[in-house]
């Protein structure tokens, strides 16, 4: 993980995070007694064995054994690094992640780029209001039906037609960053000119709301019609999506995201109260795009023109999406009439009619199989065999699970094959997953050390029942050492919950052991659990006393204090 984020921040972050709400935003959960359950998103199953505990702030699958905290879930499900998962949760909780020295060094090296981009955004917005250009640009914006509130929210601006307007506006201390930020182009011999001229400007923001690049549209004749910032240390068009920051800012919970192709599409939809649209930046959808979208919503809908180019772009998006499909994730495709785009359609039809189109979007499975069906003759054995051959490499890219199984069932129906026969051909030699046994903590089960650790881990508030004079000093072993550390930690931090405790030992052998114990079922009432904890600790104290008696008895000579200690231990025994 490199330099660690302060543990106190992780404790607070975990305490503020509701793991049930987090997971339910990606995998629909249903309440079952004190927990919430679902079919596991990490393996194929028909009966729910994936359990989320609001008390422990922990998830566990009794089918495949996956388990972890909210941070661990984001790392596994969204394929994030530890730092990215922490930043994701921090943003949800309204917290700012403290920067390590390495992160601070990165920021210091790029601070000038952020500052000059912010300066440029301010300049372009000022120019949009300038008298010299107001009539021309405002007339265009009125024609496109954009209100002042949407223009202000998305920070639209205008780049004057002069070659060096931004160069002259930028303060001297920032001018050296203009080229690296993609705002100026070199003419050689330390001479530069503005990249964006005579264009309506669309600032592009990162997930924190910082400007990282721009898009520019010509209002008159010329080429290219649209111009984006080049690749820079801050801006990578294969990762960024226009409007995503505004979506996250305006919607607390996002049930679906609509992916369109243009800046004006996003703005027109926002103007008509459709606040869940984002746009790619002149490039095909990438796996980075989709990974970022699936962090926010389980449902992604692609919107394309209904011409040949639109269907080709949709097929490329489908191929990109296949490896990212899993439990709870959906991809759909929406095709507009030829020659139309979301901007023109929503302005002509309005919000309700446009959203009615969205509800009729084609599921990925239908788009995939319909496309393949058009390439074969299903009335012949040869054609049906060819259908299976065409589908095989595509289905193999989908992670195993319910979604893949349902697609196989549909394919088997089209090919007129038994599903078991089709699976045997598509998954040769696949072995069933080994399922670990379900662990339960019942009265007197497991060793005293393991019982005590499991109870304190899952019910940290029971530290109040641990004798303050408890001593395990004569006992040896990693388990006893862990128990003593756990007791000391909870005495000093009685507010910690199960998830926070697990994060203390993340990425360690002991952490993996604790995660296993966190998955145990404690089949005891709270009163019985107190008795079980005290009994386990008393047994450990007895073992410690016995060990101390052996040590003292084997010494050739004892001090007066040691003799009194030995007599007291023998009397207690």
Protein backbone atom coordinates (compact mmCIF):
# COMPACT_ATOMS: atom_id res chain seq x y z
CA UNK A 1 0.00 0.00 0.00
CA UNK A 2 3.03 2.25 0.16
CA UNK A 3 2.83 5.02 2.72
CA UNK A 4 -0.14 4.39 4.99
CA UNK A 5 -3.11 6.64 5.50
CA UNK A 6 -3.34 7.49 9.23
CA UNK A 7 -5.12 4.72 11.10
CA UNK A 8 -7.31 7.22 12.93
CA UNK A 9 -8.70 8.37 9.56
CA UNK A 10 -9.47 4.77 8.54
CA UNK A 11 -11.25 4.22 11.89
CA UNK A 12 -13.41 7.31 11.36
CA UNK A 13 -14.09 6.45 7.71
CA UNK A 14 -15.24 2.91 8.55
CA UNK A 15 -17.39 4.24 11.40
CA UNK A 16 -19.15 6.66 9.01
CA UNK A 17 -19.71 4.06 6.29
CA UNK A 18 -22.84 1.92 6.15
CA UNK A 19 -21.73 -1.27 4.44
CA UNK A 20 -25.33 -2.33 3.80
CA UNK A 21 -26.06 0.87 1.88
CA UNK A 22 -22.77 0.61 0.00
CA UNK A 23 -23.22 -2.99 -1.14
CA UNK A 24 -26.94 -2.54 -1.84
CA UNK A 25 -26.03 0.20 -4.33
CA UNK A 26 -24.18 -2.47 -6.34
CA UNK A 27 -25.79 -5.79 -5.37
CA UNK A 28 -29.50 -5.64 -4.40
CA UNK A 29 -29.89 -6.97 -0.84
CA UNK A 30 -32.92 -8.21 1.07
CA UNK A 31 -33.31 -8.22 4.84
CA UNK A 32 -33.11 -11.58 6.59
CA UNK A 33 -33.36 -11.44 10.38
CA UNK A 34 -30.54 -9.20 11.66
CA UNK A 35 -28.54 -9.38 8.42
CA UNK A 36 -29.02 -8.72 4.70
CA UNK A 37 -28.52 -11.37 2.01
CA UNK A 38 -28.09 -11.74 -1.75
CA UNK A 39 -26.76 -14.19 -4.28
CA UNK A 40 -22.99 -13.84 -4.12
CA UNK A 41 -21.53 -11.44 -6.73
CA UNK A 42 -18.25 -13.34 -6.67
CA UNK A 43 -19.42 -16.85 -7.59
CA UNK A 44 -22.32 -18.60 -9.30
CA UNK A 45 -25.18 -19.59 -7.01
CA UNK A 46 -28.97 -19.78 -7.08
CA UNK A 47 -29.62 -19.73 -3.32
CA UNK A 48 -28.38 -16.60 -1.49
CA UNK A 49 -25.42 -17.28 0.78
CA UNK A 50 -23.84 -13.81 0.63
CA UNK A 51 -24.49 -12.14 3.99
CA UNK A 52 -23.93 -8.51 5.02
CA UNK A 53 -23.92 -7.72 8.73
CA UNK A 54 -24.81 -4.14 9.74
CA UNK A 55 -23.60 -4.89 13.27
CA UNK A 56 -20.15 -6.11 12.22
CA UNK A 57 -19.99 -3.87 9.11
CA UNK A 58 -18.69 -7.00 7.40
CA UNK A 59 -19.73 -9.21 4.48
CA UNK A 60 -19.23 -12.96 4.21
CA UNK A 61 -20.25 -15.62 1.69
CA UNK A 62 -20.90 -19.04 3.21
CA UNK A 63 -20.69 -20.51 -0.29
CA UNK A 64 -17.27 -19.42 -1.56
CA UNK A 65 -15.77 -17.87 1.58
CA UNK A 66 -15.17 -14.32 0.29
CA UNK A 67 -15.34 -11.79 3.09
CA UNK A 68 -14.24 -8.31 4.13
CA UNK A 69 -15.08 -4.75 5.12
CA UNK A 70 -16.52 -1.92 3.04
CA UNK A 71 -13.00 -1.09 1.83
CA UNK A 72 -12.39 -4.72 0.91
CA UNK A 73 -15.69 -4.92 -0.97
CA UNK A 74 -14.84 -1.94 -3.15
CA UNK A 75 -11.40 -3.37 -3.85
CA UNK A 76 -12.91 -6.72 -4.93
CA UNK A 77 -16.11 -5.61 -6.65
CA UNK A 78 -14.97 -2.35 -8.27
CA UNK A 79 -11.38 -3.55 -8.75
CA UNK A 80 -9.93 -0.59 -6.90
CA UNK A 81 -6.62 -0.21 -5.13
CA UNK A 82 -6.68 0.36 -1.38
CA UNK A 83 -6.10 4.10 -1.84
CA UNK A 84 -8.84 4.36 -4.49
CA UNK A 85 -11.30 2.48 -2.26
CA UNK A 86 -10.55 4.79 0.66
CA UNK A 87 -10.98 7.85 -1.57
CA UNK A 88 -14.29 6.50 -2.88
CA UNK A 89 -15.66 5.96 0.64
CA UNK A 90 -14.28 9.29 1.81
CA UNK A 91 -16.11 11.13 -0.95
CA UNK A 92 -19.35 9.34 -0.01
CA UNK A 93 -18.82 10.32 3.64
CA UNK A 94 -17.83 13.92 2.89
CA UNK A 95 -14.30 13.41 4.22
CA UNK A 96 -10.92 14.47 2.80
CA UNK A 97 -8.20 11.83 2.72
CA UNK A 98 -4.98 13.04 4.39
CA UNK A 99 -2.17 13.06 1.88
CA UNK A 100 0.97 11.03 2.42
CA UNK A 101 4.31 12.62 1.60
CA UNK A 102 4.33 10.73 -1.72
CA UNK A 103 0.85 12.00 -2.60
CA UNK A 104 1.81 15.50 -1.49
CA UNK A 105 4.88 15.34 -3.70
CA UNK A 106 2.66 14.34 -6.67
CA UNK A 107 0.32 17.24 -5.94
CA UNK A 108 3.21 19.70 -5.57
CA UNK A 109 4.62 18.63 -8.94
CA UNK A 110 1.25 19.12 -10.63
CA UNK A 111 -0.08 22.00 -8.59
CA UNK A 112 0.89 24.46 -11.30
CA UNK A 113 -1.16 22.51 -13.86
CA UNK A 114 -4.25 22.56 -11.64
CA UNK A 115 -3.81 26.27 -11.03
CA UNK A 116 -3.33 27.25 -14.66
CA UNK A 117 -6.35 25.13 -15.71
CA UNK A 118 -8.48 26.81 -13.04
CA UNK A 119 -7.20 30.17 -14.25
CA UNK A 120 -8.12 29.29 -17.86
CA UNK A 121 -11.61 28.16 -16.82
CA UNK A 122 -12.13 31.49 -15.05
CA UNK A 123 -10.91 33.40 -18.11
CA UNK A 124 -13.20 31.54 -20.52
CA UNK A 125 -16.21 32.11 -18.25
CA UNK A 126 -15.44 35.83 -18.09
CA UNK A 127 -15.23 35.97 -21.87
CA UNK A 128 -18.64 34.34 -22.21
CA UNK A 129 -20.08 37.33 -20.36
CA UNK A 130 -17.95 39.93 -22.18
CA UNK A 131 -19.88 42.44 -24.24
CA UNK A 132 -17.83 41.79 -27.35
CA UNK A 133 -18.96 38.16 -27.59
CA UNK A 134 -22.11 37.97 -25.53
CA UNK A 135 -24.55 38.38 -28.41
CA UNK A 136 -22.96 35.81 -30.70
CA UNK A 137 -22.45 33.08 -28.11
CA UNK A 138 -25.61 33.70 -26.10
CA UNK A 139 -27.68 33.51 -29.28
CA UNK A 140 -26.22 30.07 -29.96
CA UNK A 141 -26.87 28.90 -26.39
CA UNK A 142 -30.46 30.19 -26.53
CA UNK A 143 -30.94 28.34 -29.81
CA UNK A 144 -29.79 25.16 -28.07
CA UNK A 145 -32.23 25.80 -25.21
CA UNK A 146 -29.68 26.12 -22.41
CA UNK A 147 -30.59 28.13 -19.31
CA UNK A 148 -28.26 30.28 -17.24
CA UNK A 149 -28.36 27.78 -14.36
CA UNK A 150 -27.11 24.87 -16.49
CA UNK A 151 -24.47 27.09 -18.15
CA UNK A 152 -23.22 28.15 -14.70
CA UNK A 153 -23.35 24.64 -13.22
CA UNK A 154 -21.20 23.16 -15.99
CA UNK A 155 -18.95 26.24 -16.15
CA UNK A 156 -19.30 26.94 -19.88
CA UNK A 157 -17.06 29.62 -21.33
CA UNK A 158 -15.82 31.14 -24.56
CA UNK A 159 -12.31 31.32 -26.06
CA UNK A 160 -11.85 34.59 -28.01
CA UNK A 161 -10.67 34.38 -31.63
CA UNK A 162 -7.34 36.04 -30.82
CA UNK A 163 -4.15 33.95 -30.95
CA UNK A 164 -2.84 34.97 -27.54
CA UNK A 165 -5.82 36.02 -25.40
CA UNK A 166 -5.23 33.38 -22.71
CA UNK A 167 -1.47 33.90 -22.88
CA UNK A 168 -1.89 37.58 -22.04
CA UNK A 169 -4.43 36.87 -19.27
CA UNK A 170 -2.35 34.23 -17.45
CA UNK A 171 -0.22 35.56 -14.62
CA UNK A 172 3.55 35.23 -15.22
CA UNK A 173 4.11 32.60 -12.50
CA UNK A 174 1.75 30.18 -14.30
CA UNK A 175 2.72 30.76 -17.93
CA UNK A 176 5.37 28.05 -17.85
CA UNK A 177 2.59 25.48 -17.26
CA UNK A 178 0.37 26.44 -20.21
CA UNK A 179 1.88 24.01 -22.71
CA UNK A 180 2.03 21.06 -20.27
CA UNK A 181 -1.63 21.69 -19.40
CA UNK A 182 -2.57 21.51 -23.08
CA UNK A 183 -3.59 25.17 -23.28
CA UNK A 184 -0.81 26.52 -25.49
CA UNK A 185 1.00 25.26 -28.60
CA UNK A 186 4.66 25.98 -29.27
CA UNK A 187 5.71 27.92 -32.38
CA UNK A 188 9.37 27.32 -31.63
CA UNK A 189 11.97 29.66 -30.17
CA UNK A 190 10.00 30.02 -26.91
CA UNK A 191 6.94 31.37 -28.73
CA UNK A 192 3.41 30.03 -28.12
CA UNK A 193 -0.21 30.57 -29.15
CA UNK A 194 -3.55 29.60 -27.58
CA UNK A 195 -4.85 26.13 -28.42
CA UNK A 196 -8.51 27.13 -28.04
CA UNK A 197 -9.66 30.08 -30.16
CA UNK A 198 -13.14 31.24 -31.19
CA UNK A 199 -14.81 28.25 -29.49
CA UNK A 200 -17.52 27.58 -26.95
CA UNK A 201 -15.62 25.99 -24.05
CA UNK A 202 -16.69 22.98 -21.95
CA UNK A 203 -14.55 22.44 -18.83
CA UNK A 204 -13.87 18.80 -17.98
CA UNK A 205 -13.69 18.00 -14.25
CA UNK A 206 -12.19 15.13 -12.28
CA UNK A 207 -14.16 13.38 -9.55
CA UNK A 208 -13.13 16.08 -7.03
CA UNK A 209 -14.43 18.85 -9.25
CA UNK A 210 -11.02 20.13 -10.36
CA UNK A 211 -10.68 21.24 -13.99
CA UNK A 212 -8.33 18.85 -15.81
CA UNK A 213 -9.04 19.70 -19.44
CA UNK A 214 -11.38 21.37 -21.93
CA UNK A 215 -13.47 20.70 -24.96
CA UNK A 216 -14.09 23.43 -27.51
CA UNK A 217 -16.77 23.76 -30.22
CA UNK A 218 -16.56 26.07 -33.22
CA UNK A 219 -19.66 28.24 -33.58
CA UNK A 220 -19.00 29.11 -37.22
CA UNK A 221 -17.42 27.32 -40.16
CA UNK A 222 -14.09 25.56 -39.87
CA UNK A 223 -12.46 22.36 -38.80
CA UNK A 224 -12.31 20.49 -36.52
CA UNK A 225 -15.81 21.19 -35.20
CA UNK A 226 -14.84 19.85 -31.77
CA UNK A 227 -11.39 20.08 -30.21
CA UNK A 228 -10.36 18.44 -26.93
CA UNK A 229 -7.35 18.97 -24.69
CA UNK A 230 -4.46 16.67 -25.59
CA UNK A 231 -3.27 13.95 -23.21
CA UNK A 232 -1.55 15.55 -20.22
CA UNK A 233 -0.35 14.36 -16.78
CA UNK A 234 -3.87 15.21 -15.51
CA UNK A 235 -6.10 14.47 -18.49
CA UNK A 236 -6.55 11.05 -20.13
CA UNK A 237 -9.57 10.86 -22.41
CA UNK A 238 -9.69 7.06 -22.10
CA UNK A 239 -10.49 7.45 -18.39
CA UNK A 240 -12.50 10.65 -18.10
CA UNK A 241 -16.21 11.20 -18.75
CA UNK A 242 -17.83 14.58 -19.29
CA UNK A 243 -20.53 15.36 -16.75
CA UNK A 244 -19.67 12.59 -14.29
CA UNK A 245 -18.70 15.07 -11.58
CA UNK A 246 -22.03 16.88 -11.98
CA UNK A 247 -23.92 13.57 -11.80
CA UNK A 248 -22.23 12.62 -8.54
CA UNK A 249 -22.80 16.09 -7.14
CA UNK A 250 -26.51 16.25 -7.99
CA UNK A 251 -27.59 12.64 -7.26
CA UNK A 252 -27.05 10.97 -3.89
CA UNK A 253 -28.02 7.59 -5.32
CA UNK A 254 -27.67 6.83 -9.00
CA UNK A 255 -29.80 3.93 -10.26
CA UNK A 256 -28.59 4.21 -13.86
CA UNK A 257 -26.20 6.16 -16.06
CA UNK A 258 -26.79 7.10 -19.69
CA UNK A 259 -23.66 7.26 -21.88
CA UNK A 260 -23.98 9.66 -24.82
CA UNK A 261 -21.51 10.97 -27.37
CA UNK A 262 -21.50 14.76 -27.03
CA UNK A 263 -21.16 17.64 -24.61
CA UNK A 264 -24.40 19.23 -25.84
CA UNK A 265 -26.24 15.94 -25.31
CA UNK A 266 -25.30 15.97 -21.62
CA UNK A 267 -26.29 19.62 -21.26
CA UNK A 268 -29.61 19.27 -23.08
CA UNK A 269 -30.56 16.24 -20.98
CA UNK A 270 -29.61 18.10 -17.79
CA UNK A 271 -31.78 21.01 -18.94
CA UNK A 272 -34.70 18.57 -19.17
CA UNK A 273 -34.10 17.17 -15.64
CA UNK A 274 -32.34 14.02 -16.87
CA UNK A 275 -29.35 14.30 -14.55
CA UNK A 276 -27.70 10.92 -15.08
CA UNK A 277 -26.06 11.43 -18.48
CA UNK A 278 -22.32 11.45 -19.20
CA UNK A 279 -20.33 11.62 -22.44
CA UNK A 280 -17.15 10.04 -23.72
CA UNK A 281 -14.54 12.49 -24.98
CA UNK A 282 -14.21 11.71 -28.65
CA UNK A 283 -13.11 8.13 -28.05
CA UNK A 284 -14.68 4.69 -27.88
CA UNK A 285 -15.80 3.47 -24.47
CA UNK A 286 -12.92 1.86 -22.57
CA UNK A 287 -12.80 -0.61 -19.68
CA UNK A 288 -11.60 2.29 -17.50
CA UNK A 289 -14.74 4.22 -18.41
CA UNK A 290 -16.99 1.30 -17.53
CA UNK A 291 -15.16 0.51 -14.31
CA UNK A 292 -15.65 4.11 -13.23
CA UNK A 293 -19.35 3.99 -14.17
CA UNK A 294 -19.97 0.72 -12.34
CA UNK A 295 -18.52 2.25 -9.17
CA UNK A 296 -21.52 4.57 -9.16
CA UNK A 297 -24.36 2.49 -10.59
CA UNK A 298 -25.18 -1.13 -11.47
CA UNK A 299 -26.95 -0.11 -14.72
CA UNK A 300 -25.27 1.53 -17.74
CA UNK A 301 -27.24 2.46 -20.87
CA UNK A 302 -25.43 3.38 -24.08
CA UNK A 303 -27.20 5.78 -26.44
CA UNK A 304 -26.22 5.71 -30.13
CA UNK A 305 -27.49 6.91 -33.49
CA UNK A 306 -29.47 4.16 -35.25
CA UNK A 307 -27.21 4.13 -38.33
CA UNK A 308 -24.49 1.66 -39.24
CA UNK A 309 -21.79 3.63 -37.40
CA UNK A 310 -23.96 3.69 -34.26
CA UNK A 311 -24.42 -0.08 -34.29
CA UNK A 312 -20.68 -0.59 -34.84
CA UNK A 313 -19.89 1.69 -31.89
CA UNK A 314 -22.43 -0.20 -29.78
CA UNK A 315 -20.81 -3.54 -30.63
CA UNK A 316 -17.39 -2.20 -29.59
CA UNK A 317 -18.92 -1.06 -26.30
CA UNK A 318 -20.46 -4.52 -25.82
CA UNK A 319 -17.09 -6.24 -26.30
CA UNK A 320 -15.53 -3.86 -23.77
CA UNK A 321 -18.30 -4.51 -21.25
CA UNK A 322 -18.28 -8.35 -21.32
CA UNK A 323 -15.40 -8.93 -18.84
CA UNK A 324 -16.95 -6.46 -16.38
CA UNK A 325 -20.39 -8.05 -16.24
CA UNK A 326 -21.37 -9.79 -13.03
CA UNK A 327 -24.07 -10.15 -10.46
CA UNK A 328 -26.23 -7.05 -10.40
CA UNK A 329 -24.52 -5.24 -13.31
CA UNK A 330 -26.58 -4.44 -16.39
CA UNK A 331 -25.70 -2.97 -19.76
CA UNK A 332 -28.33 -1.83 -22.26
CA UNK A 333 -28.34 -0.18 -25.68
CA UNK A 334 -30.64 2.59 -26.87
CA UNK A 335 -30.74 3.53 -30.56
CA UNK A 336 -32.20 6.83 -31.76
CA UNK A 337 -33.65 7.51 -35.22
CA UNK A 338 -30.99 8.02 -37.87
CA UNK A 339 -29.64 11.55 -37.95
CA UNK A 340 -30.89 12.32 -34.44
CA UNK A 341 -28.99 12.67 -31.17
CA UNK A 342 -30.12 13.03 -27.53
CA UNK A 343 -29.93 16.82 -27.81
CA UNK A 344 -32.37 17.05 -30.72
CA UNK A 345 -34.67 14.28 -29.49
CA UNK A 346 -35.10 15.54 -25.92
CA UNK A 347 -35.73 19.10 -27.12
CA UNK A 348 -38.37 17.83 -29.56
CA UNK A 349 -40.05 15.26 -27.28
CA UNK A 350 -39.38 16.40 -23.71
CA UNK A 351 -38.27 14.55 -20.61
CA UNK A 352 -41.09 11.99 -20.25
CA UNK A 353 -40.98 10.80 -23.85
CA UNK A 354 -37.19 10.55 -23.81
CA UNK A 355 -37.17 8.56 -20.57
CA UNK A 356 -39.85 6.30 -22.06
CA UNK A 357 -37.31 5.52 -24.80
CA UNK A 358 -34.74 4.68 -22.13
CA UNK A 359 -37.08 2.14 -20.50
CA UNK A 360 -37.24 0.33 -23.86
CA UNK A 361 -33.45 0.07 -24.21
CA UNK A 362 -32.22 -3.29 -25.48
CA UNK A 363 -30.47 -5.56 -22.92
CA UNK A 364 -26.91 -6.54 -23.80
CA UNK A 365 -27.91 -10.21 -24.06
CA UNK A 366 -30.53 -9.44 -26.73
CA UNK A 367 -28.18 -7.17 -28.65
CA UNK A 368 -25.44 -9.81 -28.59
CA UNK A 369 -27.56 -12.78 -29.68
CA UNK A 370 -29.64 -10.81 -32.21
CA UNK A 371 -26.43 -9.61 -33.84
CA UNK A 372 -25.09 -13.18 -34.09
CA UNK A 373 -28.41 -14.58 -35.33
CA UNK A 374 -28.26 -12.29 -38.34
CA UNK A 375 -25.00 -13.94 -39.41
CA UNK A 376 -26.28 -17.54 -39.52
CA UNK A 377 -29.18 -19.65 -40.78
CA UNK A 378 -30.93 -21.07 -37.70
CA UNK A 379 -33.05 -23.39 -39.81
CA UNK A 380 -30.01 -25.59 -40.50
CA UNK A 381 -27.77 -27.65 -38.23
CA UNK A 382 -24.73 -25.98 -39.79
CA UNK A 383 -26.11 -22.52 -39.01
CA UNK A 384 -26.91 -23.40 -35.39
CA UNK A 385 -23.43 -24.90 -34.95
CA UNK A 386 -21.93 -21.71 -36.39
CA UNK A 387 -23.99 -19.66 -33.92
CA UNK A 388 -22.39 -21.55 -31.01
CA UNK A 389 -18.92 -21.05 -32.51
CA UNK A 390 -19.48 -17.30 -32.86
CA UNK A 391 -20.86 -16.99 -29.34
CA UNK A 392 -18.21 -19.07 -27.57
CA UNK A 393 -15.35 -16.49 -27.41
CA UNK A 394 -17.78 -13.78 -26.37
CA UNK A 395 -19.43 -15.76 -23.57
CA UNK A 396 -16.00 -16.92 -22.35
CA UNK A 397 -15.16 -13.29 -21.58
CA UNK A 398 -18.11 -12.94 -19.18
CA UNK A 399 -17.24 -13.79 -15.54
CA UNK A 400 -18.85 -17.07 -14.37
CA UNK A 401 -22.14 -16.47 -12.61
CA UNK A 402 -25.89 -16.26 -13.00
CA UNK A 403 -25.68 -13.82 -15.93
CA UNK A 404 -23.41 -16.09 -17.94
CA UNK A 405 -25.61 -19.10 -17.15
CA UNK A 406 -28.75 -17.32 -18.34
CA UNK A 407 -27.04 -16.32 -21.58
CA UNK A 408 -25.98 -19.94 -22.05
CA UNK A 409 -29.57 -21.06 -21.49
CA UNK A 410 -30.79 -18.62 -24.16
CA UNK A 411 -28.05 -19.71 -26.56
CA UNK A 412 -28.92 -23.38 -25.96
CA UNK A 413 -32.55 -22.64 -26.84
CA UNK A 414 -31.56 -20.92 -30.09
CA UNK A 415 -29.12 -23.71 -31.00
CA UNK A 416 -31.67 -26.40 -30.05
CA UNK A 417 -29.20 -28.01 -27.66
CA UNK A 418 -29.53 -29.22 -24.09
CA UNK A 419 -27.90 -26.62 -21.84
CA UNK A 420 -25.75 -29.28 -20.15
CA UNK A 421 -24.44 -30.36 -23.57
CA UNK A 422 -23.67 -26.76 -24.53
CA UNK A 423 -21.86 -26.13 -21.25
CA UNK A 424 -19.81 -29.31 -21.71
CA UNK A 425 -18.57 -27.95 -25.04
CA UNK A 426 -18.00 -24.37 -23.84
CA UNK A 427 -16.48 -25.24 -20.44
CA UNK A 428 -14.43 -28.39 -21.00
CA UNK A 429 -12.79 -29.83 -17.89
CA UNK A 430 -14.14 -27.18 -15.51
CA UNK A 431 -14.02 -28.38 -11.90
CA UNK A 432 -16.60 -27.42 -9.30
CA UNK A 433 -15.58 -24.85 -6.69
CA UNK A 434 -14.50 -26.18 -3.33
CA UNK A 435 -16.81 -24.82 -0.64
CA UNK A 436 -15.34 -24.23 2.85
CA UNK A 437 -17.40 -25.50 5.79
CA UNK A 438 -19.63 -23.06 7.66
CA UNK A 439 -18.03 -22.05 10.97
CA UNK A 440 -20.22 -21.56 14.04
CA UNK A 441 -19.29 -20.51 17.53
CA UNK A 442 -21.40 -22.45 20.00
CA UNK A 443 -21.00 -22.81 23.75
CA UNK A 444 -17.61 -24.36 24.53
CA UNK A 445 -16.63 -24.66 20.85
CA UNK A 446 -13.04 -23.96 19.69
CA UNK A 447 -10.05 -23.13 21.86
CA UNK A 448 -10.37 -20.50 24.62
CA UNK A 449 -8.08 -18.12 22.74
CA UNK A 450 -10.04 -18.43 19.52
CA UNK A 451 -13.37 -18.06 21.33
CA UNK A 452 -12.22 -14.91 23.12
CA UNK A 453 -10.80 -13.34 19.96
CA UNK A 454 -13.95 -14.14 17.94
CA UNK A 455 -16.26 -12.64 20.57
CA UNK A 456 -14.24 -9.43 21.04
CA UNK A 457 -13.82 -9.07 17.29
CA UNK A 458 -17.51 -9.39 16.54
CA UNK A 459 -18.78 -7.65 19.69
CA UNK A 460 -16.06 -5.08 20.54
CA UNK A 461 -18.21 -3.47 23.24
CA UNK A 462 -17.78 -6.60 25.34
CA UNK A 463 -14.36 -5.28 26.30
CA UNK A 464 -16.21 -3.80 29.30
CA UNK A 465 -16.56 -7.35 30.69
CA UNK A 466 -12.83 -8.09 30.53
CA UNK A 467 -11.11 -7.90 33.92
CA UNK A 468 -8.72 -4.95 33.97
CA UNK A 469 -6.23 -7.07 35.95
CA UNK A 470 -6.21 -9.81 33.31
CA UNK A 471 -2.68 -11.03 32.54
CA UNK A 472 -1.67 -13.49 29.82
CA UNK A 473 2.06 -12.90 30.19
CA UNK A 474 3.07 -16.55 30.75
CA UNK A 475 1.20 -17.88 27.73
CA UNK A 476 2.93 -18.10 24.39
CA UNK A 477 1.76 -18.28 20.80
CA UNK A 478 0.55 -15.96 18.08
CA UNK A 479 -3.09 -16.37 19.15
CA UNK A 480 -2.44 -15.21 22.72
CA UNK A 481 -0.32 -12.32 21.48
CA UNK A 482 -3.15 -11.29 19.14
CA UNK A 483 -5.72 -11.52 21.94
CA UNK A 484 -3.61 -9.32 24.21
CA UNK A 485 -3.17 -6.74 21.42
CA UNK A 486 -6.90 -6.81 20.76
CA UNK A 487 -7.71 -6.26 24.43
CA UNK A 488 -5.22 -3.39 24.71
CA UNK A 489 -6.51 -1.79 21.50
CA UNK A 490 -10.16 -1.91 22.62
CA UNK A 491 -9.35 -0.58 26.09
CA UNK A 492 -7.72 2.47 24.47
CA UNK A 493 -10.29 2.76 21.63
CA UNK A 494 -13.65 1.42 22.88
CA UNK A 495 -15.49 3.03 19.93
CA UNK A 496 -13.95 0.74 17.28
CA UNK A 497 -16.28 -1.63 15.42
CA UNK A 498 -15.50 -4.96 13.76
CA UNK A 499 -14.62 -3.41 10.40
CA UNK A 500 -12.22 -0.91 11.99
CA UNK A 501 -10.49 -3.71 13.90
CA UNK A 502 -10.04 -5.71 10.71
CA UNK A 503 -8.54 -2.71 8.94
CA UNK A 504 -5.87 -2.53 11.68
CA UNK A 505 -4.49 -5.88 10.48
CA UNK A 506 -5.12 -5.48 6.73
CA UNK A 507 -2.70 -7.33 4.42
CA UNK A 508 -1.17 -9.35 7.26
CA UNK A 509 -1.32 -13.07 8.06
CA UNK A 510 -3.08 -12.23 11.31
CA UNK A 511 -5.57 -10.09 9.37
CA UNK A 512 -6.57 -13.07 7.23
CA UNK A 513 -7.06 -15.11 10.40
CA UNK A 514 -9.25 -12.37 11.91
CA UNK A 515 -11.36 -12.14 8.75
CA UNK A 516 -12.11 -15.86 9.06
CA UNK A 517 -13.21 -15.38 12.67
CA UNK A 518 -15.34 -12.39 11.69
CA UNK A 519 -17.29 -14.70 9.39
CA UNK A 520 -18.23 -17.08 12.20
CA UNK A 521 -21.82 -17.24 13.35
CA UNK A 522 -22.11 -16.50 17.05
CA UNK A 523 -24.99 -18.78 18.04
CA UNK A 524 -25.25 -17.29 21.53
CA UNK A 525 -27.36 -14.65 23.23
CA UNK A 526 -25.53 -11.54 24.43
CA UNK A 527 -25.78 -12.79 28.04
CA UNK A 528 -24.36 -16.19 27.09
CA UNK A 529 -21.64 -14.49 25.08
CA UNK A 530 -20.50 -12.55 28.16
CA UNK A 531 -20.35 -15.80 30.12
CA UNK A 532 -18.53 -17.54 27.26
CA UNK A 533 -15.98 -14.72 27.02
CA UNK A 534 -15.34 -14.69 30.75
CA UNK A 535 -15.05 -18.49 30.83
CA UNK A 536 -12.53 -18.43 27.97
CA UNK A 537 -10.43 -15.75 29.67
CA UNK A 538 -10.58 -17.53 33.03
CA UNK A 539 -9.41 -20.73 31.35
CA UNK A 540 -6.50 -18.82 29.80
CA UNK A 541 -5.60 -17.37 33.20
CA UNK A 542 -5.60 -20.90 34.67
CA UNK A 543 -3.32 -22.04 31.86
CA UNK A 544 -1.07 -19.07 32.50
CA UNK A 545 -0.94 -19.84 36.25
CA UNK A 546 -0.08 -23.49 35.54
CA UNK A 547 2.67 -22.42 33.20
CA UNK A 548 4.00 -19.98 35.82
CA UNK A 549 4.02 -22.74 38.49
CA UNK A 550 6.08 -24.95 36.17
CA UNK A 551 8.58 -22.15 35.50
CA UNK A 552 9.00 -21.31 39.19
CA UNK A 553 9.18 -24.95 40.26
CA UNK A 554 11.98 -25.68 37.80
CA UNK A 555 14.19 -22.82 39.06
CA UNK A 556 17.08 -23.89 41.30
CA UNK A 557 16.58 -20.94 43.64
CA UNK A 558 13.78 -18.45 44.19
CA UNK A 559 13.73 -14.95 45.59
CA UNK A 560 11.45 -14.22 48.51
CA UNK A 561 8.91 -12.60 46.17
CA UNK A 562 8.98 -15.61 43.85
CA UNK A 563 8.47 -18.00 46.77
CA UNK A 564 5.40 -16.04 47.92
CA UNK A 565 4.08 -15.97 44.33
CA UNK A 566 4.50 -19.74 43.99
CA UNK A 567 2.69 -20.39 47.30
CA UNK A 568 -0.17 -18.09 46.23
CA UNK A 569 -0.50 -19.83 42.86
CA UNK A 570 -0.53 -23.28 44.50
CA UNK A 571 -3.17 -22.10 47.00
CA UNK A 572 -5.41 -20.81 44.21
CA UNK A 573 -5.06 -24.09 42.39
